[in-house]
PDB file of N, CA and C in Angstrom:
ATOM      1  N   UNK A   1      92.815 133.921 210.924  1.00  0.00           N
ATOM      2  CA  UNK A   1      91.638 133.240 210.977  1.00  0.00           C
ATOM      3  C   UNK A   1      91.676 131.916 211.717  1.00  0.00           C
ATOM      4  N   UNK A   2      92.977 131.523 212.022  1.00  0.00           N
ATOM      5  CA  UNK A   2      93.207 130.193 212.640  1.00  0.00           C
ATOM      6  C   UNK A   2      92.583 130.080 214.014  1.00  0.00           C
ATOM      7  N   UNK A   3      92.547 131.196 214.702  1.00  0.00           N
ATOM      8  CA  UNK A   3      92.047 131.221 216.073  1.00  0.00           C
ATOM      9  C   UNK A   3      90.485 131.053 216.011  1.00  0.00           C
ATOM     10  N   UNK A   4      89.922 131.594 215.091  1.00  0.00           N
ATOM     11  CA  UNK A   4      88.275 131.566 214.887  1.00  0.00           C
ATOM     12  C   UNK A   4      88.199 130.001 214.565  1.00  0.00           C
ATOM     13  N   UNK A   5      88.896 129.424 213.515  1.00  0.00           N
ATOM     14  CA  UNK A   5      88.628 127.946 213.233  1.00  0.00           C
ATOM     15  C   UNK A   5      89.026 126.968 214.316  1.00  0.00           C
ATOM     16  N   UNK A   6      90.016 127.423 215.164  1.00  0.00           N
ATOM     17  CA  UNK A   6      90.353 126.684 216.338  1.00  0.00           C
ATOM     18  C   UNK A   6      89.198 126.649 217.324  1.00  0.00           C
ATOM     19  N   UNK A   7      88.543 127.666 217.671  1.00  0.00           N
ATOM     20  CA  UNK A   7      87.548 127.652 218.633  1.00  0.00           C
ATOM     21  C   UNK A   7      86.225 127.122 218.003  1.00  0.00           C
ATOM     22  N   UNK A   8      86.084 127.327 216.737  1.00  0.00           N
ATOM     23  CA  UNK A   8      84.945 126.551 216.049  1.00  0.00           C
ATOM     24  C   UNK A   8      84.932 125.109 216.127  1.00  0.00           C
ATOM     25  N   UNK A   9      86.197 124.523 215.815  1.00  0.00           N
ATOM     26  CA  UNK A   9      86.391 123.161 215.922  1.00  0.00           C
ATOM     27  C   UNK A   9      86.341 122.657 217.422  1.00  0.00           C
ATOM     28  N   UNK A  10      86.717 123.474 218.269  1.00  0.00           N
ATOM     29  CA  UNK A  10      86.655 123.061 219.712  1.00  0.00           C
ATOM     30  C   UNK A  10      85.317 122.952 220.191  1.00  0.00           C
ATOM     31  N   UNK A  11      84.356 124.044 219.793  1.00  0.00           N
ATOM     32  CA  UNK A  11      82.973 123.962 220.047  1.00  0.00           C
ATOM     33  C   UNK A  11      82.201 122.760 219.463  1.00  0.00           C
ATOM     34  N   UNK A  12      82.620 122.389 218.213  1.00  0.00           N
ATOM     35  CA  UNK A  12      82.018 121.263 217.499  1.00  0.00           C
ATOM     36  C   UNK A  12      82.652 119.954 218.020  1.00  0.00           C
ATOM     37  N   UNK A  13      83.642 119.944 218.779  1.00  0.00           N
ATOM     38  CA  UNK A  13      84.267 118.746 219.360  1.00  0.00           C
ATOM     39  C   UNK A  13      84.738 117.931 218.231  1.00  0.00           C
ATOM     40  N   UNK A  14      85.364 118.610 217.296  1.00  0.00           N
ATOM     41  CA  UNK A  14      85.971 117.979 216.159  1.00  0.00           C
ATOM     42  C   UNK A  14      87.445 117.370 216.412  1.00  0.00           C
ATOM     43  N   UNK A  15      87.532 116.113 217.115  1.00  0.00           N
ATOM     44  CA  UNK A  15      88.796 115.591 217.428  1.00  0.00           C
ATOM     45  C   UNK A  15      89.678 115.246 216.501  1.00  0.00           C
ATOM     46  N   UNK A  16      89.151 114.968 215.271  1.00  0.00           N
ATOM     47  CA  UNK A  16      89.940 114.654 213.903  1.00  0.00           C
ATOM     48  C   UNK A  16      90.630 115.822 213.601  1.00  0.00           C
ATOM     49  N   UNK A  17      90.119 117.029 213.615  1.00  0.00           N
ATOM     50  CA  UNK A  17      90.925 118.129 213.271  1.00  0.00           C
ATOM     51  C   UNK A  17      92.063 118.464 214.139  1.00  0.00           C
ATOM     52  N   UNK A  18      91.947 118.253 215.416  1.00  0.00           N
ATOM     53  CA  UNK A  18      93.057 118.548 216.350  1.00  0.00           C
ATOM     54  C   UNK A  18      94.011 117.509 216.067  1.00  0.00           C
ATOM     55  N   UNK A  19      93.671 116.175 215.880  1.00  0.00           N
ATOM     56  CA  UNK A  19      94.679 115.186 215.730  1.00  0.00           C
ATOM     57  C   UNK A  19      95.524 115.489 214.480  1.00  0.00           C
ATOM     58  N   UNK A  20      94.830 115.911 213.362  1.00  0.00           N
ATOM     59  CA  UNK A  20      95.698 116.248 212.246  1.00  0.00           C
ATOM     60  C   UNK A  20      96.436 117.500 212.406  1.00  0.00           C
ATOM     61  N   UNK A  21      95.990 118.478 213.278  1.00  0.00           N
ATOM     62  CA  UNK A  21      96.776 119.584 213.388  1.00  0.00           C
ATOM     63  C   UNK A  21      98.003 119.147 214.179  1.00  0.00           C
ATOM     64  N   UNK A  22      97.812 118.387 215.073  1.00  0.00           N
ATOM     65  CA  UNK A  22      99.143 118.142 215.960  1.00  0.00           C
ATOM     66  C   UNK A  22      99.958 117.106 214.968  1.00  0.00           C
ATOM     67  N   UNK A  23      99.401 116.164 214.183  1.00  0.00           N
ATOM     68  CA  UNK A  23     100.346 115.344 213.517  1.00  0.00           C
ATOM     69  C   UNK A  23     101.063 116.221 212.331  1.00  0.00           C
ATOM     70  N   UNK A  24     100.383 117.153 211.832  1.00  0.00           N
ATOM     71  CA  UNK A  24     101.048 117.998 210.724  1.00  0.00           C
ATOM     72  C   UNK A  24     102.129 118.995 211.247  1.00  0.00           C
ATOM     73  N   UNK A  25     102.026 119.212 212.713  1.00  0.00           N
ATOM     74  CA  UNK A  25     102.960 120.213 213.213  1.00  0.00           C
ATOM     75  C   UNK A  25     103.611 119.475 214.468  1.00  0.00           C
ATOM     76  N   UNK A  26     104.188 118.273 214.248  1.00  0.00           N
ATOM     77  CA  UNK A  26     104.773 117.592 215.423  1.00  0.00           C
ATOM     78  C   UNK A  26     106.053 118.358 215.965  1.00  0.00           C
ATOM     79  N   UNK A  27     106.855 119.031 215.209  1.00  0.00           N
ATOM     80  CA  UNK A  27     107.924 119.826 215.630  1.00  0.00           C
ATOM     81  C   UNK A  27     107.509 120.917 216.677  1.00  0.00           C
ATOM     82  N   UNK A  28     106.443 121.691 216.294  1.00  0.00           N
ATOM     83  CA  UNK A  28     105.881 122.709 217.125  1.00  0.00           C
ATOM     84  C   UNK A  28     105.182 122.054 218.396  1.00  0.00           C
ATOM     85  N   UNK A  29     104.557 120.904 218.249  1.00  0.00           N
ATOM     86  CA  UNK A  29     103.935 120.203 219.493  1.00  0.00           C
ATOM     87  C   UNK A  29     105.179 119.864 220.541  1.00  0.00           C
ATOM     88  N   UNK A  30     106.304 119.271 219.903  1.00  0.00           N
ATOM     89  CA  UNK A  30     107.325 118.878 220.979  1.00  0.00           C
ATOM     90  C   UNK A  30     107.965 120.292 221.526  1.00  0.00           C
ATOM     91  N   UNK A  31     108.114 121.292 220.673  1.00  0.00           N
ATOM     92  CA  UNK A  31     108.721 122.589 221.001  1.00  0.00           C
ATOM     93  C   UNK A  31     107.841 123.079 222.241  1.00  0.00           C
ATOM     94  N   UNK A  32     106.621 123.126 222.016  1.00  0.00           N
ATOM     95  CA  UNK A  32     105.605 123.799 222.944  1.00  0.00           C
ATOM     96  C   UNK A  32     105.629 122.948 224.339  1.00  0.00           C
ATOM     97  N   UNK A  33     105.713 121.506 224.114  1.00  0.00           N
ATOM     98  CA  UNK A  33     105.874 120.669 225.318  1.00  0.00           C
ATOM     99  C   UNK A  33     107.204 121.051 225.960  1.00  0.00           C
ATOM    100  N   UNK A  34     108.220 121.254 225.306  1.00  0.00           N
ATOM    101  CA  UNK A  34     109.485 121.586 225.907  1.00  0.00           C
ATOM    102  C   UNK A  34     109.431 122.947 226.741  1.00  0.00           C
ATOM    103  N   UNK A  35     108.759 123.997 226.136  1.00  0.00           N
ATOM    104  CA  UNK A  35     108.582 125.092 226.804  1.00  0.00           C
ATOM    105  C   UNK A  35     107.769 125.035 228.049  1.00  0.00           C
ATOM    106  N   UNK A  36     106.673 124.158 228.005  1.00  0.00           N
ATOM    107  CA  UNK A  36     105.900 123.815 229.157  1.00  0.00           C
ATOM    108  C   UNK A  36     106.834 123.179 230.264  1.00  0.00           C
ATOM    109  N   UNK A  37     107.619 122.383 229.924  1.00  0.00           N
ATOM    110  CA  UNK A  37     108.698 121.697 230.857  1.00  0.00           C
ATOM    111  C   UNK A  37     109.455 122.785 231.450  1.00  0.00           C
ATOM    112  N   UNK A  38     109.966 123.743 230.634  1.00  0.00           N
ATOM    113  CA  UNK A  38     110.769 124.831 231.160  1.00  0.00           C
ATOM    114  C   UNK A  38     110.222 125.766 232.065  1.00  0.00           C
ATOM    115  N   UNK A  39     108.994 126.171 231.782  1.00  0.00           N
ATOM    116  CA  UNK A  39     108.073 127.115 232.642  1.00  0.00           C
ATOM    117  C   UNK A  39     107.577 126.331 233.818  1.00  0.00           C
ATOM    118  N   UNK A  40     107.518 125.191 233.959  1.00  0.00           N
ATOM    119  CA  UNK A  40     106.977 124.467 235.035  1.00  0.00           C
ATOM    120  C   UNK A  40     107.939 123.610 235.804  1.00  0.00           C
ATOM    121  N   UNK A  41     109.097 124.007 236.042  1.00  0.00           N
ATOM    122  CA  UNK A  41     110.263 123.280 236.658  1.00  0.00           C
ATOM    123  C   UNK A  41     110.249 121.839 236.239  1.00  0.00           C
ATOM    124  N   UNK A  42     110.377 121.604 235.112  1.00  0.00           N
ATOM    125  CA  UNK A  42     110.631 120.204 234.502  1.00  0.00           C
ATOM    126  C   UNK A  42     109.329 119.244 234.877  1.00  0.00           C
ATOM    127  N   UNK A  43     108.247 119.667 235.038  1.00  0.00           N
ATOM    128  CA  UNK A  43     107.042 118.899 235.051  1.00  0.00           C
ATOM    129  C   UNK A  43     105.964 119.435 233.977  1.00  0.00           C
ATOM    130  N   UNK A  44     105.309 118.410 233.382  1.00  0.00           N
ATOM    131  CA  UNK A  44     104.269 118.859 232.321  1.00  0.00           C
ATOM    132  C   UNK A  44     103.009 119.171 232.935  1.00  0.00           C
ATOM    133  N   UNK A  45     102.462 120.200 232.375  1.00  0.00           N
ATOM    134  CA  UNK A  45     101.032 120.836 232.911  1.00  0.00           C
ATOM    135  C   UNK A  45     100.279 121.047 231.722  1.00  0.00           C
ATOM    136  N   UNK A  46      99.078 120.453 231.615  1.00  0.00           N
ATOM    137  CA  UNK A  46      98.221 120.736 230.614  1.00  0.00           C
ATOM    138  C   UNK A  46      97.657 122.230 230.538  1.00  0.00           C
ATOM    139  N   UNK A  47      97.435 122.810 231.844  1.00  0.00           N
ATOM    140  CA  UNK A  47      97.134 124.309 231.902  1.00  0.00           C
ATOM    141  C   UNK A  47      98.191 125.213 231.259  1.00  0.00           C
ATOM    142  N   UNK A  48      99.319 124.946 231.537  1.00  0.00           N
ATOM    143  CA  UNK A  48     100.398 125.740 230.899  1.00  0.00           C
ATOM    144  C   UNK A  48     100.484 125.489 229.447  1.00  0.00           C
ATOM    145  N   UNK A  49     100.368 124.326 228.988  1.00  0.00           N
ATOM    146  CA  UNK A  49     100.476 123.878 227.697  1.00  0.00           C
ATOM    147  C   UNK A  49      99.408 124.548 226.872  1.00  0.00           C
ATOM    148  N   UNK A  50      98.163 124.552 227.339  1.00  0.00           N
ATOM    149  CA  UNK A  50      97.006 125.110 226.712  1.00  0.00           C
ATOM    150  C   UNK A  50      97.096 126.798 226.565  1.00  0.00           C
ATOM    151  N   UNK A  51      97.624 127.359 227.773  1.00  0.00           N
ATOM    152  CA  UNK A  51      97.826 128.751 227.739  1.00  0.00           C
ATOM    153  C   UNK A  51      98.780 129.296 226.834  1.00  0.00           C
ATOM    154  N   UNK A  52      99.928 128.456 226.594  1.00  0.00           N
ATOM    155  CA  UNK A  52     101.045 128.912 225.698  1.00  0.00           C
ATOM    156  C   UNK A  52     100.414 128.646 224.213  1.00  0.00           C
ATOM    157  N   UNK A  53      99.606 127.647 223.928  1.00  0.00           N
ATOM    158  CA  UNK A  53      99.082 127.474 222.544  1.00  0.00           C
ATOM    159  C   UNK A  53      98.189 128.621 222.183  1.00  0.00           C
ATOM    160  N   UNK A  54      97.272 128.946 223.124  1.00  0.00           N
ATOM    161  CA  UNK A  54      96.358 130.049 222.980  1.00  0.00           C
ATOM    162  C   UNK A  54      96.952 131.341 222.828  1.00  0.00           C
ATOM    163  N   UNK A  55      98.054 131.475 223.518  1.00  0.00           N
ATOM    164  CA  UNK A  55      98.904 132.758 223.509  1.00  0.00           C
ATOM    165  C   UNK A  55      99.471 132.862 222.095  1.00  0.00           C
ATOM    166  N   UNK A  56     100.035 131.788 221.577  1.00  0.00           N
ATOM    167  CA  UNK A  56     100.688 131.918 220.288  1.00  0.00           C
ATOM    168  C   UNK A  56      99.667 132.066 219.099  1.00  0.00           C
ATOM    169  N   UNK A  57      98.474 131.352 219.386  1.00  0.00           N
ATOM    170  CA  UNK A  57      97.476 131.496 218.238  1.00  0.00           C
ATOM    171  C   UNK A  57      97.051 132.913 218.162  1.00  0.00           C
ATOM    172  N   UNK A  58      96.708 133.446 219.331  1.00  0.00           N
ATOM    173  CA  UNK A  58      96.262 134.984 219.411  1.00  0.00           C
ATOM    174  C   UNK A  58      97.304 135.790 218.950  1.00  0.00           C
ATOM    175  N   UNK A  59      98.475 135.728 219.316  1.00  0.00           N
ATOM    176  CA  UNK A  59      99.592 136.558 218.832  1.00  0.00           C
ATOM    177  C   UNK A  59      99.768 136.630 217.206  1.00  0.00           C
ATOM    178  N   UNK A  60      99.692 135.488 216.641  1.00  0.00           N
ATOM    179  CA  UNK A  60      99.874 135.272 215.214  1.00  0.00           C
ATOM    180  C   UNK A  60      98.545 135.926 214.593  1.00  0.00           C
ATOM    181  N   UNK A  61      97.375 135.731 215.171  1.00  0.00           N
ATOM    182  CA  UNK A  61      96.113 136.329 214.640  1.00  0.00           C
ATOM    183  C   UNK A  61      96.154 137.815 214.765  1.00  0.00           C
ATOM    184  N   UNK A  62      96.678 138.347 215.936  1.00  0.00           N
ATOM    185  CA  UNK A  62      96.641 139.838 216.020  1.00  0.00           C
ATOM    186  C   UNK A  62      97.657 140.460 215.075  1.00  0.00           C
ATOM    187  N   UNK A  63      98.726 139.811 214.871  1.00  0.00           N
ATOM    188  CA  UNK A  63      99.743 140.264 213.851  1.00  0.00           C
ATOM    189  C   UNK A  63      99.233 140.271 212.406  1.00  0.00           C
ATOM    190  N   UNK A  64      98.407 139.342 212.131  1.00  0.00           N
ATOM    191  CA  UNK A  64      97.906 139.277 210.738  1.00  0.00           C
ATOM    192  C   UNK A  64      96.805 140.289 210.705  1.00  0.00           C
ATOM    193  N   UNK A  65      95.989 140.480 211.693  1.00  0.00           N
ATOM    194  CA  UNK A  65      94.866 141.457 211.576  1.00  0.00           C
ATOM    195  C   UNK A  65      95.209 142.858 211.441  1.00  0.00           C
ATOM    196  N   UNK A  66      96.352 143.139 211.972  1.00  0.00           N
ATOM    197  CA  UNK A  66      96.785 144.692 211.910  1.00  0.00           C
ATOM    198  C   UNK A  66      97.966 144.828 211.007  1.00  0.00           C
ATOM    199  N   UNK A  67      98.312 143.750 210.246  1.00  0.00           N
ATOM    200  CA  UNK A  67      99.485 143.852 209.257  1.00  0.00           C
ATOM    201  C   UNK A  67     100.843 144.212 209.778  1.00  0.00           C
ATOM    202  N   UNK A  68     101.088 143.696 211.050  1.00  0.00           N
ATOM    203  CA  UNK A  68     102.423 143.980 211.590  1.00  0.00           C
ATOM    204  C   UNK A  68     103.383 142.995 211.177  1.00  0.00           C
ATOM    205  N   UNK A  69     104.614 143.559 210.628  1.00  0.00           N
ATOM    206  CA  UNK A  69     105.706 142.662 210.056  1.00  0.00           C
ATOM    207  C   UNK A  69     106.782 142.841 211.107  1.00  0.00           C
ATOM    208  N   UNK A  70     107.274 141.749 211.674  1.00  0.00           N
ATOM    209  CA  UNK A  70     108.341 141.885 212.607  1.00  0.00           C
ATOM    210  C   UNK A  70     109.617 141.592 211.793  1.00  0.00           C
ATOM    211  N   UNK A  71     110.469 142.581 211.691  1.00  0.00           N
ATOM    212  CA  UNK A  71     111.762 142.196 210.956  1.00  0.00           C
ATOM    213  C   UNK A  71     112.582 141.627 212.024  1.00  0.00           C
ATOM    214  N   UNK A  72     113.095 140.362 211.831  1.00  0.00           N
ATOM    215  CA  UNK A  72     113.572 139.535 212.831  1.00  0.00           C
ATOM    216  C   UNK A  72     114.864 139.811 213.419  1.00  0.00           C
ATOM    217  N   UNK A  73     115.899 140.322 212.630  1.00  0.00           N
ATOM    218  CA  UNK A  73     117.154 140.642 213.123  1.00  0.00           C
ATOM    219  C   UNK A  73     117.195 141.696 214.200  1.00  0.00           C
ATOM    220  N   UNK A  74     116.882 142.862 213.931  1.00  0.00           N
ATOM    221  CA  UNK A  74     116.879 143.838 215.067  1.00  0.00           C
ATOM    222  C   UNK A  74     115.920 143.565 216.265  1.00  0.00           C
ATOM    223  N   UNK A  75     114.840 143.085 215.985  1.00  0.00           N
ATOM    224  CA  UNK A  75     113.757 142.801 217.090  1.00  0.00           C
ATOM    225  C   UNK A  75     114.359 141.680 217.939  1.00  0.00           C
ATOM    226  N   UNK A  76     114.773 140.660 217.449  1.00  0.00           N
ATOM    227  CA  UNK A  76     115.263 139.560 218.368  1.00  0.00           C
ATOM    228  C   UNK A  76     116.437 139.917 219.091  1.00  0.00           C
ATOM    229  N   UNK A  77     117.311 140.628 218.481  1.00  0.00           N
ATOM    230  CA  UNK A  77     118.578 141.099 219.195  1.00  0.00           C
ATOM    231  C   UNK A  77     118.148 141.780 220.580  1.00  0.00           C
ATOM    232  N   UNK A  78     117.459 142.678 220.361  1.00  0.00           N
ATOM    233  CA  UNK A  78     116.909 143.562 221.556  1.00  0.00           C
ATOM    234  C   UNK A  78     116.086 142.854 222.480  1.00  0.00           C
ATOM    235  N   UNK A  79     115.191 141.944 221.831  1.00  0.00           N
ATOM    236  CA  UNK A  79     114.387 141.016 222.674  1.00  0.00           C
ATOM    237  C   UNK A  79     115.079 140.173 223.630  1.00  0.00           C
ATOM    238  N   UNK A  80     115.993 139.346 223.045  1.00  0.00           N
ATOM    239  CA  UNK A  80     116.728 138.455 223.821  1.00  0.00           C
ATOM    240  C   UNK A  80     117.632 139.061 224.806  1.00  0.00           C
ATOM    241  N   UNK A  81     118.349 140.131 224.489  1.00  0.00           N
ATOM    242  CA  UNK A  81     119.043 140.778 225.416  1.00  0.00           C
ATOM    243  C   UNK A  81     118.255 141.251 226.625  1.00  0.00           C
ATOM    244  N   UNK A  82     117.030 141.847 226.282  1.00  0.00           N
ATOM    245  CA  UNK A  82     116.197 142.235 227.400  1.00  0.00           C
ATOM    246  C   UNK A  82     115.566 141.053 228.096  1.00  0.00           C
ATOM    247  N   UNK A  83     115.398 139.864 227.527  1.00  0.00           N
ATOM    248  CA  UNK A  83     114.861 138.806 228.136  1.00  0.00           C
ATOM    249  C   UNK A  83     116.080 138.124 229.111  1.00  0.00           C
ATOM    250  N   UNK A  84     117.161 138.212 228.842  1.00  0.00           N
ATOM    251  CA  UNK A  84     118.216 137.775 229.640  1.00  0.00           C
ATOM    252  C   UNK A  84     118.271 138.702 230.976  1.00  0.00           C
ATOM    253  N   UNK A  85     118.269 139.895 230.759  1.00  0.00           N
ATOM    254  CA  UNK A  85     118.150 140.860 231.783  1.00  0.00           C
ATOM    255  C   UNK A  85     116.973 140.749 232.668  1.00  0.00           C
ATOM    256  N   UNK A  86     115.860 140.476 232.149  1.00  0.00           N
ATOM    257  CA  UNK A  86     114.533 140.128 232.815  1.00  0.00           C
ATOM    258  C   UNK A  86     114.566 138.860 233.580  1.00  0.00           C
ATOM    259  N   UNK A  87     115.301 137.902 233.070  1.00  0.00           N
ATOM    260  CA  UNK A  87     115.402 136.527 233.763  1.00  0.00           C
ATOM    261  C   UNK A  87     116.256 136.724 234.869  1.00  0.00           C
ATOM    262  N   UNK A  88     117.295 137.446 234.721  1.00  0.00           N
ATOM    263  CA  UNK A  88     118.231 137.542 235.805  1.00  0.00           C
ATOM    264  C   UNK A  88     117.732 138.344 236.911  1.00  0.00           C
ATOM    265  N   UNK A  89     116.872 139.407 236.603  1.00  0.00           N
ATOM    266  CA  UNK A  89     116.139 140.090 237.583  1.00  0.00           C
ATOM    267  C   UNK A  89     115.109 139.439 238.369  1.00  0.00           C
ATOM    268  N   UNK A  90     114.354 138.659 237.675  1.00  0.00           N
ATOM    269  CA  UNK A  90     113.233 137.834 238.308  1.00  0.00           C
ATOM    270  C   UNK A  90     113.704 136.697 239.215  1.00  0.00           C
ATOM    271  N   UNK A  91     114.919 136.286 238.931  1.00  0.00           N
ATOM    272  CA  UNK A  91     115.500 135.295 239.703  1.00  0.00           C
ATOM    273  C   UNK A  91     116.162 135.705 241.052  1.00  0.00           C
ATOM    274  N   UNK A  92     116.261 136.958 241.101  1.00  0.00           N
ATOM    275  CA  UNK A  92     116.708 137.657 242.358  1.00  0.00           C
ATOM    276  C   UNK A  92     115.561 137.937 243.285  1.00  0.00           C
ATOM    277  N   UNK A  93     114.395 138.189 242.903  1.00  0.00           N
ATOM    278  CA  UNK A  93     113.218 138.394 243.699  1.00  0.00           C
ATOM    279  C   UNK A  93     112.436 137.374 243.898  1.00  0.00           C
ATOM    280  N   UNK A  94     112.248 136.846 245.243  1.00  0.00           N
ATOM    281  CA  UNK A  94     111.517 135.728 245.504  1.00  0.00           C
ATOM    282  C   UNK A  94     110.089 135.642 245.072  1.00  0.00           C
ATOM    283  N   UNK A  95     109.406 136.831 245.234  1.00  0.00           N
ATOM    284  CA  UNK A  95     108.025 136.934 244.848  1.00  0.00           C
ATOM    285  C   UNK A  95     107.806 136.768 243.291  1.00  0.00           C
ATOM    286  N   UNK A  96     108.652 137.039 242.568  1.00  0.00           N
ATOM    287  CA  UNK A  96     108.601 136.931 241.145  1.00  0.00           C
ATOM    288  C   UNK A  96     108.964 135.537 240.609  1.00  0.00           C
ATOM    289  N   UNK A  97     109.480 134.783 241.255  1.00  0.00           N
ATOM    290  CA  UNK A  97     109.897 133.329 240.784  1.00  0.00           C
ATOM    291  C   UNK A  97     108.809 132.570 240.221  1.00  0.00           C
ATOM    292  N   UNK A  98     107.647 132.626 240.973  1.00  0.00           N
ATOM    293  CA  UNK A  98     106.496 131.693 240.517  1.00  0.00           C
ATOM    294  C   UNK A  98     105.662 132.351 239.452  1.00  0.00           C
ATOM    295  N   UNK A  99     105.944 133.662 239.086  1.00  0.00           N
ATOM    296  CA  UNK A  99     105.304 134.285 238.097  1.00  0.00           C
ATOM    297  C   UNK A  99     105.998 134.547 236.812  1.00  0.00           C
ATOM    298  N   UNK A 100     106.928 133.494 236.509  1.00  0.00           N
ATOM    299  CA  UNK A 100     107.823 133.794 235.383  1.00  0.00           C
ATOM    300  C   UNK A 100     107.055 133.596 233.865  1.00  0.00           C
ATOM    301  N   UNK A 101     106.332 132.830 233.759  1.00  0.00           N
ATOM    302  CA  UNK A 101     105.492 132.793 232.460  1.00  0.00           C
ATOM    303  C   UNK A 101     104.735 134.040 232.287  1.00  0.00           C
ATOM    304  N   UNK A 102     104.014 134.615 233.247  1.00  0.00           N
ATOM    305  CA  UNK A 102     103.402 135.893 233.194  1.00  0.00           C
ATOM    306  C   UNK A 102     104.163 137.078 232.872  1.00  0.00           C
ATOM    307  N   UNK A 103     105.329 136.899 233.552  1.00  0.00           N
ATOM    308  CA  UNK A 103     106.347 138.030 233.428  1.00  0.00           C
ATOM    309  C   UNK A 103     106.984 138.161 231.987  1.00  0.00           C
ATOM    310  N   UNK A 104     107.193 137.010 231.436  1.00  0.00           N
ATOM    311  CA  UNK A 104     107.805 136.922 230.064  1.00  0.00           C
ATOM    312  C   UNK A 104     106.755 137.145 228.959  1.00  0.00           C
ATOM    313  N   UNK A 105     105.387 136.819 229.402  1.00  0.00           N
ATOM    314  CA  UNK A 105     104.433 137.101 228.319  1.00  0.00           C
ATOM    315  C   UNK A 105     104.126 138.672 228.257  1.00  0.00           C
ATOM    316  N   UNK A 106     104.070 139.248 229.464  1.00  0.00           N
ATOM    317  CA  UNK A 106     103.914 140.806 229.537  1.00  0.00           C
ATOM    318  C   UNK A 106     105.197 141.474 228.749  1.00  0.00           C
ATOM    319  N   UNK A 107     106.346 140.951 229.060  1.00  0.00           N
ATOM    320  CA  UNK A 107     107.454 141.424 228.325  1.00  0.00           C
ATOM    321  C   UNK A 107     107.495 141.346 226.840  1.00  0.00           C
ATOM    322  N   UNK A 108     106.907 140.116 226.310  1.00  0.00           N
ATOM    323  CA  UNK A 108     106.876 140.084 225.015  1.00  0.00           C
ATOM    324  C   UNK A 108     105.956 141.044 224.436  1.00  0.00           C
ATOM    325  N   UNK A 109     104.732 141.227 224.908  1.00  0.00           N
ATOM    326  CA  UNK A 109     103.752 142.126 224.403  1.00  0.00           C
ATOM    327  C   UNK A 109     104.178 143.514 224.432  1.00  0.00           C
ATOM    328  N   UNK A 110     104.919 144.009 225.473  1.00  0.00           N
ATOM    329  CA  UNK A 110     105.486 145.279 225.678  1.00  0.00           C
ATOM    330  C   UNK A 110     106.496 145.426 224.602  1.00  0.00           C
ATOM    331  N   UNK A 111     107.388 144.416 224.429  1.00  0.00           N
ATOM    332  CA  UNK A 111     108.454 144.647 223.251  1.00  0.00           C
ATOM    333  C   UNK A 111     107.827 144.753 221.805  1.00  0.00           C
ATOM    334  N   UNK A 112     106.774 143.903 221.602  1.00  0.00           N
ATOM    335  CA  UNK A 112     106.214 144.072 220.282  1.00  0.00           C
ATOM    336  C   UNK A 112     105.377 145.468 220.106  1.00  0.00           C
ATOM    337  N   UNK A 113     104.947 145.936 221.121  1.00  0.00           N
ATOM    338  CA  UNK A 113     104.184 147.289 221.110  1.00  0.00           C
ATOM    339  C   UNK A 113     105.242 148.264 220.852  1.00  0.00           C
ATOM    340  N   UNK A 114     106.510 148.275 221.510  1.00  0.00           N
ATOM    341  CA  UNK A 114     107.544 149.162 221.343  1.00  0.00           C
ATOM    342  C   UNK A 114     108.013 149.093 219.896  1.00  0.00           C
ATOM    343  N   UNK A 115     108.027 147.854 219.467  1.00  0.00           N
ATOM    344  CA  UNK A 115     108.557 147.734 218.033  1.00  0.00           C
ATOM    345  C   UNK A 115     107.655 148.322 216.970  1.00  0.00           C
ATOM    346  N   UNK A 116     106.170 148.125 217.190  1.00  0.00           N
ATOM    347  CA  UNK A 116     105.343 148.559 216.412  1.00  0.00           C
ATOM    348  C   UNK A 116     105.345 150.201 216.386  1.00  0.00           C
ATOM    349  N   UNK A 117     105.600 150.822 217.456  1.00  0.00           N
ATOM    350  CA  UNK A 117     105.695 152.218 217.653  1.00  0.00           C
ATOM    351  C   UNK A 117     106.879 152.770 217.056  1.00  0.00           C
ATOM    352  N   UNK A 118     107.945 151.990 216.747  1.00  0.00           N
ATOM    353  CA  UNK A 118     108.991 152.459 216.196  1.00  0.00           C
ATOM    354  C   UNK A 118     110.171 152.841 217.077  1.00  0.00           C
ATOM    355  N   UNK A 119     110.084 152.484 218.314  1.00  0.00           N
ATOM    356  CA  UNK A 119     111.003 152.964 219.370  1.00  0.00           C
ATOM    357  C   UNK A 119     112.447 152.316 218.980  1.00  0.00           C
ATOM    358  N   UNK A 120     112.495 151.160 218.532  1.00  0.00           N
ATOM    359  CA  UNK A 120     113.877 150.687 218.085  1.00  0.00           C
ATOM    360  C   UNK A 120     113.724 149.930 216.946  1.00  0.00           C
TER     361      UNK A 120
END
């Protein structure tokens, strides 16, 4: 229900709630800023930052709504090995270099779907 509350507070322009959310989760804020720097060639972009935050909120909300539990050990092993392969593959193709965040997002959702179906 965090996504619903997030958008409700956004439409109400409740700035105090967003400041409290950021201050109570400073580690996550700095981690997401670091991810934004990595995805945008060491430059900060509000657009990418907001897309990443919304992506994380919606993913957590989707997992909670369908009661998917990700067992971390096996999933992360296959996910990170596949991500290294995907990053190596996208670095060699010039047309995919600018679409790295989109490619990684699609890869993440495909891996979660495969995990939920019991493929690995």
